Amino acid sequence: MIRIKRVYEPRQRGDGRRFLVERLWPRGVKKEALEAVVWRKDVAPSAALRTWYGHRVERWPEFQRRYRKELGANRREWEPILAAGRRGAVTLLYSARDVEHNSAVVLRNFLDARQ
């Protein structure tokens, strides 16, 4: 099972293995606070795609398409997350404020389709 949650939310018992899936380190979060978290920054959208999207909801459908295309060409980065999900619970951590329109949502759906 792959879940997503904001990096600012406290760790919970059912989180399982936790992966930070952001290209940039989240603001206001000390590295010590996420010491048991694996940072997979290269699974995040490219800097160019992230900049283009800019959290503009009207670009959400195209962002999803482009990000899935990047993921398809980047198996080496997401395969460890998928493998961990086969062994138990996995939580993808993201920092965006919008809980419905962010890259972790796309990544979770992408990985769920491959389980």
Protein backbone atom coordinates (compact mmCIF):
# COMPACT_ATOMS: atom_id res chain seq x y z
CA MET A 1 0.00 0.00 0.00
CA ILE A 2 1.34 3.40 -1.00
CA ARG A 3 0.07 6.47 0.84
CA ILE A 4 0.88 10.13 0.55
CA LYS A 5 1.03 12.86 3.17
CA ARG A 6 2.52 16.27 3.74
CA VAL A 7 6.01 16.22 5.16
CA TYR A 8 4.84 18.58 7.92
CA GLU A 9 2.44 16.01 9.36
CA PRO A 10 3.73 13.87 12.24
CA ARG A 11 4.88 10.32 11.64
CA GLN A 12 2.21 7.71 12.38
CA ARG A 13 2.51 4.04 13.21
CA GLY A 14 1.06 2.89 9.87
CA ASP A 15 3.36 5.01 7.68
CA GLY A 16 5.78 2.18 7.04
CA ARG A 17 8.81 3.09 4.93
CA ARG A 18 8.85 6.84 4.25
CA PHE A 19 10.20 8.53 1.13
CA LEU A 20 10.58 12.26 0.55
CA VAL A 21 9.69 12.71 -3.13
CA GLU A 22 10.52 16.40 -3.59
CA ARG A 23 13.39 17.81 -5.67
CA LEU A 24 13.99 20.58 -3.12
CA TRP A 25 14.28 20.16 0.64
CA PRO A 26 11.03 21.34 2.32
CA ARG A 27 11.10 24.77 3.92
CA GLY A 28 11.31 24.87 7.68
CA VAL A 29 12.09 21.16 8.07
CA LYS A 30 15.34 20.23 9.79
CA LYS A 31 17.23 17.29 8.37
CA GLU A 32 17.23 15.67 11.82
CA ALA A 33 13.42 15.63 11.77
CA LEU A 34 13.51 13.34 8.72
CA GLU A 35 16.53 11.20 9.59
CA ALA A 36 14.66 7.92 9.00
CA VAL A 37 13.29 9.12 5.65
CA VAL A 38 14.82 8.22 2.28
CA TRP A 39 15.08 11.29 0.04
CA ARG A 40 14.38 10.32 -3.59
CA LYS A 41 14.76 13.76 -5.17
CA ASP A 42 15.41 12.36 -8.64
CA VAL A 43 11.97 10.75 -8.74
CA ALA A 44 10.41 14.23 -8.48
CA PRO A 45 9.43 16.19 -11.59
CA SER A 46 12.32 17.83 -13.42
CA ALA A 47 13.14 21.41 -12.49
CA ALA A 48 11.84 22.55 -15.88
CA LEU A 49 8.50 20.75 -15.45
CA ARG A 50 8.10 21.93 -11.87
CA THR A 51 8.74 25.53 -12.94
CA TRP A 52 6.37 25.26 -15.90
CA TYR A 53 3.57 23.84 -13.73
CA GLY A 54 3.96 26.42 -10.96
CA HIS A 55 1.00 24.86 -9.07
CA ARG A 56 -1.40 26.33 -11.61
CA VAL A 57 -4.42 24.04 -11.43
CA GLU A 58 -5.43 24.75 -15.03
CA ARG A 59 -2.17 23.04 -16.06
CA TRP A 60 -2.84 19.96 -13.90
CA PRO A 61 -3.93 17.56 -16.69
CA GLU A 62 -0.90 18.42 -18.84
CA PHE A 63 1.41 18.31 -15.82
CA GLN A 64 0.25 14.77 -15.05
CA ARG A 65 0.87 13.66 -18.63
CA ARG A 66 4.34 15.19 -18.76
CA TYR A 67 5.34 13.88 -15.33
CA ARG A 68 4.18 10.34 -16.16
CA LYS A 69 6.31 10.54 -19.30
CA GLU A 70 9.34 11.54 -17.19
CA LEU A 71 8.62 8.70 -14.78
CA GLY A 72 8.40 6.21 -17.62
CA ALA A 73 11.93 7.14 -18.63
CA ASN A 74 13.23 7.08 -15.05
CA ARG A 75 12.49 3.57 -13.76
CA ARG A 76 15.73 3.40 -11.76
CA GLU A 77 14.44 6.13 -9.43
CA TRP A 78 10.95 4.81 -8.66
CA GLU A 79 11.62 1.05 -8.69
CA PRO A 80 13.00 1.04 -5.09
CA ILE A 81 9.77 2.69 -3.87
CA LEU A 82 7.66 0.13 -5.70
CA ALA A 83 9.77 -2.71 -4.28
CA ALA A 84 9.32 -1.34 -0.75
CA GLY A 85 5.56 -1.14 -1.38
CA ARG A 86 5.50 -4.84 -2.25
CA ARG A 87 7.04 -5.62 1.15
CA GLY A 88 4.80 -3.37 3.24
CA ALA A 89 3.35 0.08 3.78
CA VAL A 90 5.01 3.05 2.07
CA THR A 91 4.35 6.75 2.56
CA LEU A 92 5.38 9.36 0.00
CA LEU A 93 6.09 12.72 1.64
CA TYR A 94 5.55 15.97 -0.23
CA SER A 95 5.59 19.64 0.77
CA ALA A 96 3.01 21.26 -1.53
CA ARG A 97 0.04 22.97 0.12
CA ASP A 98 -2.43 21.63 -2.42
CA VAL A 99 -3.26 18.09 -1.32
CA GLU A 100 -5.06 17.18 -4.55
CA HIS A 101 -2.79 18.66 -7.23
CA ASN A 102 0.81 17.73 -6.50
CA SER A 103 3.46 15.43 -7.87
CA ALA A 104 3.09 12.87 -5.06
CA VAL A 105 -0.50 12.22 -6.21
CA VAL A 106 0.74 11.50 -9.73
CA LEU A 107 3.60 9.33 -8.47
CA ARG A 108 1.33 7.29 -6.20
CA ASN A 109 -1.12 6.66 -9.04
CA PHE A 110 1.75 5.79 -11.38
CA LEU A 111 3.14 3.27 -8.88
CA ASP A 112 -0.27 1.84 -7.98
CA ALA A 113 -0.81 1.05 -11.68
CA ARG A 114 2.39 -1.00 -11.63
CA GLN A 115 1.71 -3.06 -8.49
